[in-house]
């Protein structure tokens, strides 16, 4: 589980929301025997562009360098 947490962080994801997405969507991908087709689960990989926006960390805005 720690490896998945680190991978989520490296891919600029918020681990809580990413794990929530995994635990919600993986059961939906099971067939009659409980197996998951790897090609269907690709949308849940940490680098997938199809993950919900809530899974991603908000990007920091660069400051203009102006001191007020």
C-alpha atoms as a PDB file:
ATOM      1  CA  UNK A   1       0.000   0.000   0.000  1.00  0.00           C
ATOM      2  CA  UNK A   2       2.908   2.352   0.660  1.00  0.00           C
ATOM      3  CA  UNK A   3       4.141   1.873  -2.906  1.00  0.00           C
ATOM      4  CA  UNK A   4       0.750   2.932  -4.279  1.00  0.00           C
ATOM      5  CA  UNK A   5       0.763   5.966  -1.997  1.00  0.00           C
ATOM      6  CA  UNK A   6       4.213   7.018  -3.224  1.00  0.00           C
ATOM      7  CA  UNK A   7       3.237   6.432  -6.862  1.00  0.00           C
ATOM      8  CA  UNK A   8       0.146   8.592  -6.406  1.00  0.00           C
ATOM      9  CA  UNK A   9       2.295  11.379  -4.942  1.00  0.00           C
ATOM     10  CA  UNK A  10       4.845  11.123  -7.751  1.00  0.00           C
ATOM     11  CA  UNK A  11       2.024  11.488 -10.271  1.00  0.00           C
ATOM     12  CA  UNK A  12       0.753  14.641  -8.552  1.00  0.00           C
ATOM     13  CA  UNK A  13      -2.353  12.954  -7.130  1.00  0.00           C
ATOM     14  CA  UNK A  14      -4.056  13.364  -3.791  1.00  0.00           C
ATOM     15  CA  UNK A  15      -3.779   9.833  -2.347  1.00  0.00           C
ATOM     16  CA  UNK A  16      -7.083   9.904  -0.431  1.00  0.00           C
ATOM     17  CA  UNK A  17      -9.142  10.776  -3.514  1.00  0.00           C
ATOM     18  CA  UNK A  18      -7.134   8.438  -5.729  1.00  0.00           C
ATOM     19  CA  UNK A  19      -7.678   5.467  -3.379  1.00  0.00           C
ATOM     20  CA  UNK A  20     -11.344   6.412  -3.059  1.00  0.00           C
ATOM     21  CA  UNK A  21     -11.613   6.312  -6.874  1.00  0.00           C
ATOM     22  CA  UNK A  22      -9.855   2.932  -7.020  1.00  0.00           C
ATOM     23  CA  UNK A  23     -12.024   1.363  -4.352  1.00  0.00           C
ATOM     24  CA  UNK A  24     -15.172   2.697  -5.992  1.00  0.00           C
ATOM     25  CA  UNK A  25     -14.371   1.786  -9.593  1.00  0.00           C
ATOM     26  CA  UNK A  26     -12.419  -1.486  -9.366  1.00  0.00           C
ATOM     27  CA  UNK A  27     -15.428  -3.559  -8.230  1.00  0.00           C
ATOM     28  CA  UNK A  28     -17.371  -2.289 -11.255  1.00  0.00           C
ATOM     29  CA  UNK A  29     -14.726  -3.736 -13.595  1.00  0.00           C
ATOM     30  CA  UNK A  30     -15.037  -7.327 -12.347  1.00  0.00           C
ATOM     31  CA  UNK A  31     -16.448 -10.064 -14.560  1.00  0.00           C
ATOM     32  CA  UNK A  32     -18.614 -13.013 -13.412  1.00  0.00           C
ATOM     33  CA  UNK A  33     -15.611 -14.779 -11.911  1.00  0.00           C
ATOM     34  CA  UNK A  34     -14.324 -11.696 -10.079  1.00  0.00           C
ATOM     35  CA  UNK A  35     -11.442 -11.100 -12.479  1.00  0.00           C
ATOM     36  CA  UNK A  36     -10.518  -7.667 -13.773  1.00  0.00           C
ATOM     37  CA  UNK A  37      -9.391  -7.273 -17.373  1.00  0.00           C
ATOM     38  CA  UNK A  38      -6.126  -5.259 -17.265  1.00  0.00           C
ATOM     39  CA  UNK A  39      -7.083  -3.292 -20.376  1.00  0.00           C
ATOM     40  CA  UNK A  40     -10.214  -2.006 -18.643  1.00  0.00           C
ATOM     41  CA  UNK A  41      -8.316  -0.975 -15.522  1.00  0.00           C
ATOM     42  CA  UNK A  42      -5.846   1.234 -17.410  1.00  0.00           C
ATOM     43  CA  UNK A  43      -8.117   4.243 -16.824  1.00  0.00           C
ATOM     44  CA  UNK A  44      -7.384   3.879 -13.095  1.00  0.00           C
ATOM     45  CA  UNK A  45      -3.598   3.975 -13.339  1.00  0.00           C
ATOM     46  CA  UNK A  46      -2.003   6.973 -11.583  1.00  0.00           C
ATOM     47  CA  UNK A  47      -0.821   8.503 -14.873  1.00  0.00           C
ATOM     48  CA  UNK A  48      -4.207   8.157 -16.598  1.00  0.00           C
ATOM     49  CA  UNK A  49      -5.662  11.375 -17.973  1.00  0.00           C
ATOM     50  CA  UNK A  50      -9.158   9.985 -17.354  1.00  0.00           C
ATOM     51  CA  UNK A  51      -9.028  10.217 -13.565  1.00  0.00           C
ATOM     52  CA  UNK A  52     -11.456  12.719 -12.006  1.00  0.00           C
ATOM     53  CA  UNK A  53     -10.051  16.182 -11.344  1.00  0.00           C
ATOM     54  CA  UNK A  54     -10.560  15.737  -7.599  1.00  0.00           C
ATOM     55  CA  UNK A  55      -7.785  13.123  -7.650  1.00  0.00           C
ATOM     56  CA  UNK A  56      -5.210  15.657  -8.825  1.00  0.00           C
ATOM     57  CA  UNK A  57      -3.382  18.080  -6.596  1.00  0.00           C
ATOM     58  CA  UNK A  58      -4.129  21.719  -7.302  1.00  0.00           C
ATOM     59  CA  UNK A  59      -1.189  23.369  -9.017  1.00  0.00           C
ATOM     60  CA  UNK A  60       0.461  26.229  -7.214  1.00  0.00           C
ATOM     61  CA  UNK A  61       0.313  29.551  -8.956  1.00  0.00           C
ATOM     62  CA  UNK A  62       3.617  31.259  -9.495  1.00  0.00           C
ATOM     63  CA  UNK A  63       3.967  34.539  -7.705  1.00  0.00           C
ATOM     64  CA  UNK A  64       4.761  37.588  -9.759  1.00  0.00           C
ATOM     65  CA  UNK A  65       7.743  38.412  -7.558  1.00  0.00           C
ATOM     66  CA  UNK A  66       6.163  41.714  -6.487  1.00  0.00           C
ATOM     67  CA  UNK A  67       6.587  42.480  -2.806  1.00  0.00           C
ATOM     68  CA  UNK A  68       3.702  44.417  -1.320  1.00  0.00           C
END
